[in-house]
Amino acid sequence: MAKPPEDPETEELLSKVGGGGQELHTLLERHRDRLRRMIAVRLDSRLTPVIDPSDVVQEALADASRKLDGFLRDRPLPFYPWLRRLASERIIQLHRRHLGTQKRSAAREERLDFALRDDSSDQLANCLAASGTSPSQQVLRDEQARRLREVLDRLSPNDREVLVMCYLEELNFHEIATALGITVSAAKVRHFRAMKRVRKLLENHDLGESGR
């Protein structure tokens, strides 16, 4: 499988850092917001009263700073997917430390791609629902979000996962493919099938409600 491309700005920063430049802070800060979105989606909701996602971001970026020489030498992944993996390891450690085996089996923890917050359907539904600012638009948006939540709860973990990656984490298909260990074409197909499933479930949902 071909290695996904690095975005040009990140590549330039990596080259400068690798050449002894002082751009490390700029490089890490460039990805802070994306990493925080990912952590907010993955960190168990029971931990949010005591653990701030921003603190997890800081720890992951500190890990990246310490391990950057090895990354630059081997380049096992594009930079952001590598950062994402470091953050995922931090989240797994937090889940094990604070929740033990209550949340997931060890086998599932090893694949963080399937470790979503219990309210991920709520977050995804709100993201997918059409935006609106007027009172009437807000009512329509709230109703659409309610319908989407019911539908998303019925999706398989694989289907919901790829939608979360795309719409909540805002990963591109190259990054989704890297995270899931599949080809870009397979990532696109998985996304297409998930959205097709959502549309079908919405149609069935609407038919069921109209028949009441």
Protein backbone atom coordinates (compact mmCIF):
# COMPACT_ATOMS: atom_id res chain seq x y z
CA MET A 1 0.00 0.00 0.00
CA ALA A 2 1.45 3.38 -1.04
CA LYS A 3 2.36 5.75 1.76
CA PRO A 4 -0.19 8.59 2.04
CA PRO A 5 1.13 12.03 1.09
CA GLU A 6 2.16 14.60 3.68
CA ASP A 7 0.49 18.00 3.42
CA PRO A 8 2.97 20.54 1.98
CA GLU A 9 3.13 22.88 4.99
CA THR A 10 3.74 20.05 7.44
CA GLU A 11 6.35 18.58 5.10
CA GLU A 12 8.17 21.90 4.95
CA LEU A 13 8.16 22.20 8.74
CA LEU A 14 9.40 18.63 9.15
CA SER A 15 12.25 19.31 6.74
CA LYS A 16 13.26 22.42 8.67
CA VAL A 17 13.12 20.65 12.03
CA GLY A 18 15.06 17.71 10.61
CA GLY A 19 17.69 20.13 9.35
CA GLY A 20 18.18 21.62 12.79
CA GLY A 21 15.65 24.43 12.54
CA GLN A 22 13.66 25.84 15.46
CA GLU A 23 10.19 25.21 14.00
CA LEU A 24 9.20 22.34 16.33
CA HIS A 25 6.71 24.45 18.29
CA THR A 26 5.07 25.66 15.06
CA LEU A 27 4.89 22.10 13.77
CA LEU A 28 3.18 20.77 16.89
CA GLU A 29 0.83 23.73 17.30
CA ARG A 30 -0.33 23.33 13.71
CA HIS A 31 -2.07 20.08 14.69
CA ARG A 32 -3.23 20.91 18.22
CA ASP A 33 -6.88 21.66 17.37
CA ARG A 34 -7.33 18.52 15.28
CA LEU A 35 -5.80 16.40 18.00
CA ARG A 36 -8.10 17.91 20.61
CA ARG A 37 -11.17 17.08 18.50
CA MET A 38 -10.01 13.48 18.22
CA ILE A 39 -9.43 13.20 21.97
CA ALA A 40 -12.78 14.78 22.81
CA VAL A 41 -14.52 12.13 20.68
CA ARG A 42 -12.57 9.23 22.20
CA LEU A 43 -12.20 10.13 25.87
CA ASP A 44 -14.82 8.33 27.93
CA SER A 45 -17.50 10.78 29.10
CA ARG A 46 -17.10 9.54 32.69
CA LEU A 47 -13.58 10.97 32.71
CA THR A 48 -14.38 14.45 31.43
CA PRO A 49 -15.19 15.86 34.91
CA VAL A 50 -11.63 15.08 36.03
CA ILE A 51 -9.58 15.02 32.81
CA ASP A 52 -9.42 17.92 30.38
CA PRO A 53 -8.84 16.87 26.75
CA SER A 54 -6.40 19.78 26.46
CA ASP A 55 -4.19 18.12 29.07
CA VAL A 56 -4.17 14.90 27.04
CA VAL A 57 -3.23 16.91 23.96
CA GLN A 58 -0.32 18.45 25.82
CA GLU A 59 0.92 15.04 26.95
CA ALA A 60 0.66 13.65 23.41
CA LEU A 61 2.56 16.62 21.99
CA ALA A 62 5.24 16.15 24.67
CA ASP A 63 5.51 12.49 23.60
CA ALA A 64 5.86 13.64 19.98
CA SER A 65 8.63 16.06 20.91
CA ARG A 66 10.59 13.31 22.67
CA LYS A 67 10.09 10.77 19.87
CA LEU A 68 10.46 13.09 16.89
CA ASP A 69 14.01 12.05 16.02
CA GLY A 70 12.88 8.46 15.58
CA PHE A 71 9.90 9.57 13.52
CA LEU A 72 12.08 11.66 11.21
CA ARG A 73 14.45 8.76 10.76
CA ASP A 74 11.84 6.15 9.89
CA ARG A 75 8.74 8.12 8.78
CA PRO A 76 6.41 5.15 9.53
CA LEU A 77 3.29 7.31 8.96
CA PRO A 78 2.40 10.82 7.85
CA PHE A 79 2.87 13.22 10.75
CA TYR A 80 -0.71 13.76 11.89
CA PRO A 81 -1.69 10.05 11.88
CA TRP A 82 1.48 9.46 13.91
CA LEU A 83 0.42 12.15 16.40
CA ARG A 84 -3.05 10.64 16.50
CA ARG A 85 -1.56 7.26 17.38
CA LEU A 86 0.42 8.77 20.25
CA ALA A 87 -2.75 10.44 21.55
CA SER A 88 -4.65 7.17 21.25
CA GLU A 89 -2.05 5.44 23.39
CA ARG A 90 -2.51 8.13 26.04
CA ILE A 91 -6.29 7.64 26.00
CA ILE A 92 -5.96 3.88 26.32
CA GLN A 93 -3.72 4.37 29.35
CA LEU A 94 -6.25 6.74 30.93
CA HIS A 95 -9.13 4.33 30.34
CA ARG A 96 -7.20 1.46 31.86
CA ARG A 97 -6.04 3.52 34.84
CA HIS A 98 -9.41 5.06 35.70
CA LEU A 99 -11.96 2.58 34.37
CA GLY A 100 -10.11 -0.72 34.41
CA THR A 101 -12.08 -3.32 32.46
CA GLN A 102 -15.42 -1.59 32.96
CA LYS A 103 -15.40 0.06 29.59
CA ARG A 104 -13.89 -2.34 27.08
CA SER A 105 -12.09 -5.62 26.73
CA ALA A 106 -8.33 -5.50 26.22
CA ALA A 107 -8.80 -6.67 22.64
CA ARG A 108 -11.06 -3.72 21.84
CA GLU A 109 -8.74 -1.27 23.58
CA GLU A 110 -5.94 -2.31 21.26
CA ARG A 111 -8.02 -0.88 18.39
CA LEU A 112 -8.91 2.61 19.49
CA ASP A 113 -10.59 3.17 16.12
CA PHE A 114 -13.59 1.34 17.57
CA ALA A 115 -13.41 2.99 20.99
CA LEU A 116 -15.93 5.81 20.75
CA ARG A 117 -17.61 7.76 23.49
CA ASP A 118 -21.02 6.43 24.39
CA ASP A 119 -22.53 9.70 23.21
CA SER A 120 -20.72 9.67 19.84
CA SER A 121 -24.05 9.23 18.06
CA ASP A 122 -25.31 12.44 19.68
CA GLN A 123 -22.22 14.36 18.62
CA LEU A 124 -22.34 12.96 15.10
CA ALA A 125 -26.05 13.63 14.72
CA ASN A 126 -25.63 17.24 15.75
CA CYS A 127 -22.77 17.60 13.27
CA LEU A 128 -24.69 16.06 10.37
CA ALA A 129 -27.91 17.96 11.06
CA ALA A 130 -28.42 21.03 8.89
CA SER A 131 -27.46 24.28 10.60
CA GLY A 132 -30.07 26.92 11.21
CA THR A 133 -30.26 30.25 12.99
CA SER A 134 -33.92 31.27 12.99
CA PRO A 135 -36.35 29.68 15.50
CA SER A 136 -38.07 27.71 12.73
CA GLN A 137 -34.72 26.51 11.35
CA GLN A 138 -33.64 25.51 14.85
CA VAL A 139 -36.77 23.39 15.29
CA LEU A 140 -36.06 21.62 12.00
CA ARG A 141 -32.44 21.14 12.97
CA ASP A 142 -33.36 19.68 16.37
CA GLU A 143 -35.86 17.30 14.76
CA GLN A 144 -33.33 16.18 12.17
CA ALA A 145 -30.73 15.61 14.88
CA ARG A 146 -33.22 13.52 16.87
CA ARG A 147 -33.94 11.33 13.85
CA LEU A 148 -30.25 10.99 13.06
CA ARG A 149 -29.41 9.96 16.64
CA GLU A 150 -31.93 7.13 16.46
CA VAL A 151 -30.53 6.00 13.11
CA LEU A 152 -26.85 6.28 14.07
CA ASP A 153 -27.43 4.15 17.17
CA ARG A 154 -28.49 1.37 14.80
CA LEU A 155 -25.33 1.50 12.69
CA SER A 156 -22.61 -1.08 13.08
CA PRO A 157 -19.48 0.10 14.94
CA ASN A 158 -17.54 0.05 11.65
CA ASP A 159 -20.06 2.31 9.93
CA ARG A 160 -20.29 4.78 12.79
CA GLU A 161 -16.51 4.81 13.17
CA VAL A 162 -15.81 5.96 9.61
CA LEU A 163 -18.44 8.70 9.91
CA VAL A 164 -16.96 9.91 13.19
CA MET A 165 -13.51 10.02 11.60
CA CYS A 166 -14.81 11.96 8.63
CA TYR A 167 -17.21 14.43 10.24
CA LEU A 168 -16.08 14.82 13.85
CA GLU A 169 -12.33 14.29 13.54
CA GLU A 170 -12.33 15.81 10.04
CA LEU A 171 -9.83 13.28 8.70
CA ASN A 172 -9.35 13.03 4.95
CA PHE A 173 -9.61 9.66 3.23
CA HIS A 174 -5.83 9.16 3.22
CA GLU A 175 -5.79 9.66 7.00
CA ILE A 176 -8.81 7.42 7.54
CA ALA A 177 -7.15 4.71 5.46
CA THR A 178 -3.93 5.01 7.47
CA ALA A 179 -5.78 4.86 10.80
CA LEU A 180 -7.78 1.79 9.77
CA GLY A 181 -4.96 0.03 7.93
CA ILE A 182 -6.88 -0.12 4.65
CA THR A 183 -6.49 1.42 1.20
CA VAL A 184 -7.85 4.85 0.33
CA SER A 185 -10.30 3.21 -2.07
CA ALA A 186 -11.55 0.94 0.70
CA ALA A 187 -11.95 3.94 3.02
CA LYS A 188 -14.04 5.72 0.39
CA VAL A 189 -16.18 2.63 -0.14
CA ARG A 190 -16.69 2.23 3.61
CA HIS A 191 -17.80 5.86 3.88
CA PHE A 192 -20.15 5.52 0.90
CA ARG A 193 -21.73 2.38 2.34
CA ALA A 194 -22.13 3.97 5.76
CA MET A 195 -23.89 7.02 4.32
CA LYS A 196 -26.05 4.77 2.16
CA ARG A 197 -27.01 2.84 5.28
CA VAL A 198 -27.88 6.10 7.08
CA ARG A 199 -30.12 7.21 4.22
CA LYS A 200 -31.88 3.85 4.10
CA LEU A 201 -32.44 3.80 7.86
CA LEU A 202 -33.76 7.37 7.73
CA GLU A 203 -36.24 6.40 5.02
CA ASN A 204 -37.41 3.40 7.03
CA HIS A 205 -37.59 5.57 10.16
CA ASP A 206 -39.77 8.12 8.40
CA LEU A 207 -42.02 5.42 6.97
CA GLY A 208 -42.40 3.91 10.43
CA GLU A 209 -43.33 7.23 11.98
CA SER A 210 -45.81 8.08 9.21
CA GLY A 211 -47.53 4.75 9.76
CA ARG A 212 -48.18 5.34 13.44
